[in-house]
Amino acid sequence: MTDKMKILDALMTADLSKAEWTKSEFSGGTGQDCLEVTRVEGLGYVLRHSILKDHMIPLTDSEYAAYCQGVQARQPGLVP
């Protein structure tokens, strides 16, 4: 198993029961169309949908940073 796979596996098995999830301030008022993110210290980030809370996406620090940079740069395909 590669180091990256070990990190992603650790993110998926981390205890997130006390995680502080953050939503975009632009998600709207319903709370049902939100992408939420939490930071797992020393590992990276985990994304989830506000309704499908069991469906999580682990991202290393560098993957999350690259995604955010693409959104900030308005990269086609990442933003409408």
PDB file of N, CA and C in Angstrom:
ATOM      1  N   MET A   1       0.844  -1.171   0.000  1.00  0.00           N
ATOM      2  CA  MET A   1       0.000   0.000   0.000  1.00  0.00           C
ATOM      3  C   MET A   1       0.896   1.244   0.000  1.00  0.00           C
ATOM      4  N   THR A   2       0.596   2.195  -0.882  1.00  0.00           N
ATOM      5  CA  THR A   2       1.395   3.411  -0.966  1.00  0.00           C
ATOM      6  C   THR A   2       1.112   4.324   0.224  1.00  0.00           C
ATOM      7  N   ASP A   3       2.010   5.272   0.441  1.00  0.00           N
ATOM      8  CA  ASP A   3       1.825   6.235   1.534  1.00  0.00           C
ATOM      9  C   ASP A   3       0.526   7.017   1.358  1.00  0.00           C
ATOM     10  N   LYS A   4       0.230   7.389   0.110  1.00  0.00           N
ATOM     11  CA  LYS A   4      -0.995   8.146  -0.155  1.00  0.00           C
ATOM     12  C   LYS A   4      -2.220   7.301   0.189  1.00  0.00           C
ATOM     13  N   MET A   5      -2.217   6.048  -0.174  1.00  0.00           N
ATOM     14  CA  MET A   5      -3.348   5.174   0.145  1.00  0.00           C
ATOM     15  C   MET A   5      -3.491   5.002   1.648  1.00  0.00           C
ATOM     16  N   LYS A   6      -2.385   4.974   2.360  1.00  0.00           N
ATOM     17  CA  LYS A   6      -2.441   4.874   3.824  1.00  0.00           C
ATOM     18  C   LYS A   6      -3.109   6.106   4.423  1.00  0.00           C
ATOM     19  N   ILE A   7      -2.781   7.280   3.894  1.00  0.00           N
ATOM     20  CA  ILE A   7      -3.398   8.520   4.383  1.00  0.00           C
ATOM     21  C   ILE A   7      -4.892   8.521   4.071  1.00  0.00           C
ATOM     22  N   LEU A   8      -5.255   8.168   2.841  1.00  0.00           N
ATOM     23  CA  LEU A   8      -6.674   8.156   2.459  1.00  0.00           C
ATOM     24  C   LEU A   8      -7.448   7.137   3.289  1.00  0.00           C
ATOM     25  N   ASP A   9      -6.848   5.989   3.541  1.00  0.00           N
ATOM     26  CA  ASP A   9      -7.485   4.979   4.372  1.00  0.00           C
ATOM     27  C   ASP A   9      -7.661   5.487   5.807  1.00  0.00           C
ATOM     28  N   ALA A  10      -6.651   6.158   6.332  1.00  0.00           N
ATOM     29  CA  ALA A  10      -6.737   6.713   7.684  1.00  0.00           C
ATOM     30  C   ALA A  10      -7.821   7.783   7.766  1.00  0.00           C
ATOM     31  N   LEU A  11      -7.965   8.581   6.708  1.00  0.00           N
ATOM     32  CA  LEU A  11      -9.034   9.581   6.681  1.00  0.00           C
ATOM     33  C   LEU A  11     -10.408   8.917   6.697  1.00  0.00           C
ATOM     34  N   MET A  12     -10.549   7.817   5.958  1.00  0.00           N
ATOM     35  CA  MET A  12     -11.847   7.134   5.877  1.00  0.00           C
ATOM     36  C   MET A  12     -12.187   6.389   7.162  1.00  0.00           C
ATOM     37  N   THR A  13     -11.199   6.054   7.962  1.00  0.00           N
ATOM     38  CA  THR A  13     -11.463   5.312   9.197  1.00  0.00           C
ATOM     39  C   THR A  13     -11.329   6.191  10.445  1.00  0.00           C
ATOM     40  N   ALA A  14     -11.052   7.478  10.243  1.00  0.00           N
ATOM     41  CA  ALA A  14     -10.914   8.393  11.377  1.00  0.00           C
ATOM     42  C   ALA A  14     -12.258   8.543  12.090  1.00  0.00           C
ATOM     43  N   ASP A  15     -12.204   8.738  13.390  1.00  0.00           N
ATOM     44  CA  ASP A  15     -13.412   8.989  14.179  1.00  0.00           C
ATOM     45  C   ASP A  15     -13.831  10.435  13.952  1.00  0.00           C
ATOM     46  N   LEU A  16     -14.907  10.621  13.211  1.00  0.00           N
ATOM     47  CA  LEU A  16     -15.390  11.963  12.887  1.00  0.00           C
ATOM     48  C   LEU A  16     -16.627  12.327  13.698  1.00  0.00           C
ATOM     49  N   SER A  17     -16.909  11.566  14.751  1.00  0.00           N
ATOM     50  CA  SER A  17     -18.116  11.805  15.538  1.00  0.00           C
ATOM     51  C   SER A  17     -18.119  13.176  16.212  1.00  0.00           C
ATOM     52  N   LYS A  18     -16.958  13.736  16.455  1.00  0.00           N
ATOM     53  CA  LYS A  18     -16.880  15.054  17.078  1.00  0.00           C
ATOM     54  C   LYS A  18     -16.289  16.098  16.130  1.00  0.00           C
ATOM     55  N   ALA A  19     -16.269  15.766  14.852  1.00  0.00           N
ATOM     56  CA  ALA A  19     -15.693  16.679  13.856  1.00  0.00           C
ATOM     57  C   ALA A  19     -16.541  17.943  13.740  1.00  0.00           C
ATOM     58  N   GLU A  20     -15.873  19.041  13.458  1.00  0.00           N
ATOM     59  CA  GLU A  20     -16.556  20.299  13.192  1.00  0.00           C
ATOM     60  C   GLU A  20     -16.625  20.473  11.684  1.00  0.00           C
ATOM     61  N   TRP A  21     -17.823  20.324  11.146  1.00  0.00           N
ATOM     62  CA  TRP A  21     -18.047  20.417   9.708  1.00  0.00           C
ATOM     63  C   TRP A  21     -18.350  21.861   9.340  1.00  0.00           C
ATOM     64  N   THR A  22     -17.798  22.300   8.224  1.00  0.00           N
ATOM     65  CA  THR A  22     -18.002  23.667   7.744  1.00  0.00           C
ATOM     66  C   THR A  22     -18.721  23.621   6.406  1.00  0.00           C
ATOM     67  N   LYS A  23     -19.742  24.489   6.270  1.00  0.00           N
ATOM     68  CA  LYS A  23     -20.478  24.644   5.013  1.00  0.00           C
ATOM     69  C   LYS A  23     -20.158  26.014   4.435  1.00  0.00           C
ATOM     70  N   SER A  24     -20.303  26.128   3.149  1.00  0.00           N
ATOM     71  CA  SER A  24     -20.148  27.421   2.505  1.00  0.00           C
ATOM     72  C   SER A  24     -21.241  28.374   2.987  1.00  0.00           C
ATOM     73  N   GLU A  25     -20.876  29.611   3.176  1.00  0.00           N
ATOM     74  CA  GLU A  25     -21.858  30.629   3.538  1.00  0.00           C
ATOM     75  C   GLU A  25     -22.810  30.913   2.386  1.00  0.00           C
ATOM     76  N   PHE A  26     -22.525  30.379   1.203  1.00  0.00           N
ATOM     77  CA  PHE A  26     -23.344  30.598   0.018  1.00  0.00           C
ATOM     78  C   PHE A  26     -24.249  29.411  -0.293  1.00  0.00           C
ATOM     79  N   SER A  27     -24.374  28.469   0.634  1.00  0.00           N
ATOM     80  CA  SER A  27     -25.136  27.242   0.394  1.00  0.00           C
ATOM     81  C   SER A  27     -26.647  27.439   0.414  1.00  0.00           C
ATOM     82  N   GLY A  28     -27.119  28.547   0.871  1.00  0.00           N
ATOM     83  CA  GLY A  28     -28.553  28.769   0.963  1.00  0.00           C
ATOM     84  C   GLY A  28     -29.053  28.434   2.358  1.00  0.00           C
ATOM     85  N   GLY A  29     -30.307  28.707   2.599  1.00  0.00           N
ATOM     86  CA  GLY A  29     -30.853  28.568   3.938  1.00  0.00           C
ATOM     87  C   GLY A  29     -31.430  27.217   4.288  1.00  0.00           C
ATOM     88  N   THR A  30     -31.562  26.310   3.330  1.00  0.00           N
ATOM     89  CA  THR A  30     -32.225  25.042   3.628  1.00  0.00           C
ATOM     90  C   THR A  30     -31.328  24.056   4.350  1.00  0.00           C
ATOM     91  N   GLY A  31     -30.048  24.155   4.170  1.00  0.00           N
ATOM     92  CA  GLY A  31     -29.125  23.206   4.774  1.00  0.00           C
ATOM     93  C   GLY A  31     -29.137  21.850   4.104  1.00  0.00           C
ATOM     94  N   GLN A  32     -29.802  21.753   2.960  1.00  0.00           N
ATOM     95  CA  GLN A  32     -29.917  20.464   2.285  1.00  0.00           C
ATOM     96  C   GLN A  32     -29.241  20.425   0.922  1.00  0.00           C
ATOM     97  N   ASP A  33     -28.522  21.443   0.580  1.00  0.00           N
ATOM     98  CA  ASP A  33     -27.793  21.411  -0.683  1.00  0.00           C
ATOM     99  C   ASP A  33     -26.374  21.914  -0.460  1.00  0.00           C
ATOM    100  N   CYS A  34     -25.765  21.341   0.556  1.00  0.00           N
ATOM    101  CA  CYS A  34     -24.465  21.844   0.987  1.00  0.00           C
ATOM    102  C   CYS A  34     -23.382  20.780   0.884  1.00  0.00           C
ATOM    103  N   LEU A  35     -22.217  21.234   0.546  1.00  0.00           N
ATOM    104  CA  LEU A  35     -21.017  20.417   0.655  1.00  0.00           C
ATOM    105  C   LEU A  35     -20.337  20.843   1.941  1.00  0.00           C
ATOM    106  N   GLU A  36     -20.021  19.883   2.792  1.00  0.00           N
ATOM    107  CA  GLU A  36     -19.394  20.173   4.078  1.00  0.00           C
ATOM    108  C   GLU A  36     -17.977  19.617   4.079  1.00  0.00           C
ATOM    109  N   VAL A  37     -17.109  20.258   4.833  1.00  0.00           N
ATOM    110  CA  VAL A  37     -15.711  19.828   4.905  1.00  0.00           C
ATOM    111  C   VAL A  37     -15.242  19.874   6.357  1.00  0.00           C
ATOM    112  N   THR A  38     -14.384  18.936   6.706  1.00  0.00           N
ATOM    113  CA  THR A  38     -13.726  18.961   8.002  1.00  0.00           C
ATOM    114  C   THR A  38     -12.256  18.629   7.802  1.00  0.00           C
ATOM    115  N   ARG A  39     -11.450  19.165   8.662  1.00  0.00           N
ATOM    116  CA  ARG A  39     -10.004  18.911   8.630  1.00  0.00           C
ATOM    117  C   ARG A  39      -9.679  17.848   9.664  1.00  0.00           C
ATOM    118  N   VAL A  40      -8.902  16.864   9.257  1.00  0.00           N
ATOM    119  CA  VAL A  40      -8.413  15.831  10.165  1.00  0.00           C
ATOM    120  C   VAL A  40      -6.921  16.112  10.347  1.00  0.00           C
ATOM    121  N   GLU A  41      -6.578  16.612  11.511  1.00  0.00           N
ATOM    122  CA  GLU A  41      -5.211  17.064  11.782  1.00  0.00           C
ATOM    123  C   GLU A  41      -4.174  15.991  11.429  1.00  0.00           C
ATOM    124  N   GLY A  42      -3.180  16.417  10.659  1.00  0.00           N
ATOM    125  CA  GLY A  42      -2.087  15.531  10.297  1.00  0.00           C
ATOM    126  C   GLY A  42      -2.361  14.609   9.121  1.00  0.00           C
ATOM    127  N   LEU A  43      -3.616  14.632   8.611  1.00  0.00           N
ATOM    128  CA  LEU A  43      -3.959  13.727   7.513  1.00  0.00           C
ATOM    129  C   LEU A  43      -4.461  14.470   6.283  1.00  0.00           C
ATOM    130  N   GLY A  44      -5.463  15.313   6.449  1.00  0.00           N
ATOM    131  CA  GLY A  44      -6.050  16.002   5.309  1.00  0.00           C
ATOM    132  C   GLY A  44      -7.471  16.431   5.603  1.00  0.00           C
ATOM    133  N   TYR A  45      -8.333  16.282   4.604  1.00  0.00           N
ATOM    134  CA  TYR A  45      -9.707  16.763   4.694  1.00  0.00           C
ATOM    135  C   TYR A  45     -10.673  15.652   4.309  1.00  0.00           C
ATOM    136  N   VAL A  46     -11.901  15.786   4.790  1.00  0.00           N
ATOM    137  CA  VAL A  46     -12.979  14.892   4.390  1.00  0.00           C
ATOM    138  C   VAL A  46     -14.148  15.765   3.963  1.00  0.00           C
ATOM    139  N   LEU A  47     -14.697  15.464   2.786  1.00  0.00           N
ATOM    140  CA  LEU A  47     -15.877  16.156   2.272  1.00  0.00           C
ATOM    141  C   LEU A  47     -17.083  15.238   2.391  1.00  0.00           C
ATOM    142  N   ARG A  48     -18.268  15.839   2.578  1.00  0.00           N
ATOM    143  CA  ARG A  48     -19.504  15.076   2.570  1.00  0.00           C
ATOM    144  C   ARG A  48     -20.637  15.989   2.144  1.00  0.00           C
ATOM    145  N   HIS A  49     -21.725  15.374   1.717  1.00  0.00           N
ATOM    146  CA  HIS A  49     -22.939  16.100   1.384  1.00  0.00           C
ATOM    147  C   HIS A  49     -23.757  16.258   2.654  1.00  0.00           C
ATOM    148  N   SER A  50     -24.499  17.344   2.757  1.00  0.00           N
ATOM    149  CA  SER A  50     -25.260  17.599   3.981  1.00  0.00           C
ATOM    150  C   SER A  50     -26.406  16.618   4.200  1.00  0.00           C
ATOM    151  N   ILE A  51     -26.838  15.916   3.171  1.00  0.00           N
ATOM    152  CA  ILE A  51     -27.896  14.906   3.318  1.00  0.00           C
ATOM    153  C   ILE A  51     -27.284  13.505   3.365  1.00  0.00           C
ATOM    154  N   LEU A  52     -26.373  13.219   2.468  1.00  0.00           N
ATOM    155  CA  LEU A  52     -25.743  11.890   2.381  1.00  0.00           C
ATOM    156  C   LEU A  52     -24.493  11.872   3.260  1.00  0.00           C
ATOM    157  N   LYS A  53     -24.688  11.999   4.545  1.00  0.00           N
ATOM    158  CA  LYS A  53     -23.565  12.176   5.473  1.00  0.00           C
ATOM    159  C   LYS A  53     -22.654  10.960   5.579  1.00  0.00           C
ATOM    160  N   ASP A  54     -23.113   9.802   5.159  1.00  0.00           N
ATOM    161  CA  ASP A  54     -22.274   8.601   5.216  1.00  0.00           C
ATOM    162  C   ASP A  54     -21.385   8.458   3.983  1.00  0.00           C
ATOM    163  N   HIS A  55     -21.613   9.280   2.980  1.00  0.00           N
ATOM    164  CA  HIS A  55     -20.832   9.219   1.742  1.00  0.00           C
ATOM    165  C   HIS A  55     -19.747  10.289   1.821  1.00  0.00           C
ATOM    166  N   MET A  56     -18.541   9.863   2.115  1.00  0.00           N
ATOM    167  CA  MET A  56     -17.458  10.814   2.341  1.00  0.00           C
ATOM    168  C   MET A  56     -16.358  10.672   1.303  1.00  0.00           C
ATOM    169  N   ILE A  57     -15.683  11.777   1.057  1.00  0.00           N
ATOM    170  CA  ILE A  57     -14.572  11.813   0.113  1.00  0.00           C
ATOM    171  C   ILE A  57     -13.330  12.277   0.860  1.00  0.00           C
ATOM    172  N   PRO A  58     -12.320  11.419   0.992  1.00  0.00           N
ATOM    173  CA  PRO A  58     -11.084  11.837   1.658  1.00  0.00           C
ATOM    174  C   PRO A  58     -10.157  12.539   0.670  1.00  0.00           C
ATOM    175  N   LEU A  59      -9.494  13.582   1.132  1.00  0.00           N
ATOM    176  CA  LEU A  59      -8.536  14.306   0.303  1.00  0.00           C
ATOM    177  C   LEU A  59      -7.293  14.618   1.126  1.00  0.00           C
ATOM    178  N   THR A  60      -6.139  14.395   0.534  1.00  0.00           N
ATOM    179  CA  THR A  60      -4.906  14.802   1.196  1.00  0.00           C
ATOM    180  C   THR A  60      -4.848  16.332   1.203  1.00  0.00           C
ATOM    181  N   ASP A  61      -3.949  16.884   1.993  1.00  0.00           N
ATOM    182  CA  ASP A  61      -3.802  18.343   2.027  1.00  0.00           C
ATOM    183  C   ASP A  61      -3.548  18.909   0.633  1.00  0.00           C
ATOM    184  N   SER A  62      -2.662  18.273  -0.115  1.00  0.00           N
ATOM    185  CA  SER A  62      -2.317  18.798  -1.441  1.00  0.00           C
ATOM    186  C   SER A  62      -3.480  18.668  -2.423  1.00  0.00           C
ATOM    187  N   GLU A  63      -4.261  17.606  -2.324  1.00  0.00           N
ATOM    188  CA  GLU A  63      -5.428  17.452  -3.208  1.00  0.00           C
ATOM    189  C   GLU A  63      -6.477  18.524  -2.909  1.00  0.00           C
ATOM    190  N   TYR A  64      -6.731  18.757  -1.630  1.00  0.00           N
ATOM    191  CA  TYR A  64      -7.721  19.761  -1.247  1.00  0.00           C
ATOM    192  C   TYR A  64      -7.266  21.157  -1.679  1.00  0.00           C
ATOM    193  N   ALA A  65      -5.983  21.452  -1.479  1.00  0.00           N
ATOM    194  CA  ALA A  65      -5.444  22.754  -1.887  1.00  0.00           C
ATOM    195  C   ALA A  65      -5.561  22.942  -3.397  1.00  0.00           C
ATOM    196  N   ALA A  66      -5.256  21.911  -4.161  1.00  0.00           N
ATOM    197  CA  ALA A  66      -5.349  21.999  -5.618  1.00  0.00           C
ATOM    198  C   ALA A  66      -6.796  22.221  -6.066  1.00  0.00           C
ATOM    199  N   TYR A  67      -7.741  21.532  -5.430  1.00  0.00           N
ATOM    200  CA  TYR A  67      -9.157  21.713  -5.768  1.00  0.00           C
ATOM    201  C   TYR A  67      -9.593  23.152  -5.459  1.00  0.00           C
ATOM    202  N   CYS A  68      -9.264  23.637  -4.275  1.00  0.00           N
ATOM    203  CA  CYS A  68      -9.648  24.999  -3.891  1.00  0.00           C
ATOM    204  C   CYS A  68      -9.031  26.034  -4.829  1.00  0.00           C
ATOM    205  N   GLN A  69      -7.794  25.824  -5.224  1.00  0.00           N
ATOM    206  CA  GLN A  69      -7.143  26.749  -6.160  1.00  0.00           C
ATOM    207  C   GLN A  69      -7.858  26.749  -7.504  1.00  0.00           C
ATOM    208  N   GLY A  70      -8.306  25.583  -7.949  1.00  0.00           N
ATOM    209  CA  GLY A  70      -9.057  25.508  -9.204  1.00  0.00           C
ATOM    210  C   GLY A  70     -10.376  26.258  -9.134  1.00  0.00           C
ATOM    211  N   VAL A  71     -11.078  26.138  -8.022  1.00  0.00           N
ATOM    212  CA  VAL A  71     -12.337  26.860  -7.836  1.00  0.00           C
ATOM    213  C   VAL A  71     -12.072  28.363  -7.790  1.00  0.00           C
ATOM    214  N   GLN A  72     -11.069  28.766  -7.021  1.00  0.00           N
ATOM    215  CA  GLN A  72     -10.750  30.183  -6.907  1.00  0.00           C
ATOM    216  C   GLN A  72     -10.352  30.790  -8.254  1.00  0.00           C
ATOM    217  N   ALA A  73      -9.725  29.992  -9.110  1.00  0.00           N
ATOM    218  CA  ALA A  73      -9.309  30.451 -10.433  1.00  0.00           C
ATOM    219  C   ALA A  73     -10.442  30.329 -11.447  1.00  0.00           C
ATOM    220  N   ARG A  74     -11.626  29.860 -10.990  1.00  0.00           N
ATOM    221  CA  ARG A  74     -12.809  29.664 -11.844  1.00  0.00           C
ATOM    222  C   ARG A  74     -12.511  28.705 -13.002  1.00  0.00           C
ATOM    223  N   GLN A  75     -11.815  27.630 -12.705  1.00  0.00           N
ATOM    224  CA  GLN A  75     -11.469  26.626 -13.703  1.00  0.00           C
ATOM    225  C   GLN A  75     -12.738  26.037 -14.301  1.00  0.00           C
ATOM    226  N   PRO A  76     -12.836  26.002 -15.621  1.00  0.00           N
ATOM    227  CA  PRO A  76     -14.010  25.391 -16.266  1.00  0.00           C
ATOM    228  C   PRO A  76     -14.204  23.949 -15.793  1.00  0.00           C
ATOM    229  N   GLY A  77     -15.437  23.601 -15.534  1.00  0.00           N
ATOM    230  CA  GLY A  77     -15.765  22.267 -15.060  1.00  0.00           C
ATOM    231  C   GLY A  77     -15.856  22.187 -13.544  1.00  0.00           C
ATOM    232  N   LEU A  78     -15.215  23.114 -12.838  1.00  0.00           N
ATOM    233  CA  LEU A  78     -15.303  23.148 -11.377  1.00  0.00           C
ATOM    234  C   LEU A  78     -16.324  24.162 -10.883  1.00  0.00           C
ATOM    235  N   VAL A  79     -16.577  25.165 -11.692  1.00  0.00           N
ATOM    236  CA  VAL A  79     -17.546  26.200 -11.327  1.00  0.00           C
ATOM    237  C   VAL A  79     -18.504  26.402 -12.495  1.00  0.00           C
ATOM    238  N   PRO A  80     -19.738  26.790 -12.176  1.00  0.00           N
ATOM    239  CA  PRO A  80     -20.716  27.011 -13.264  1.00  0.00           C
ATOM    240  C   PRO A  80     -20.383  28.229 -14.082  1.00  0.00           C
TER     241      PRO A  80
END
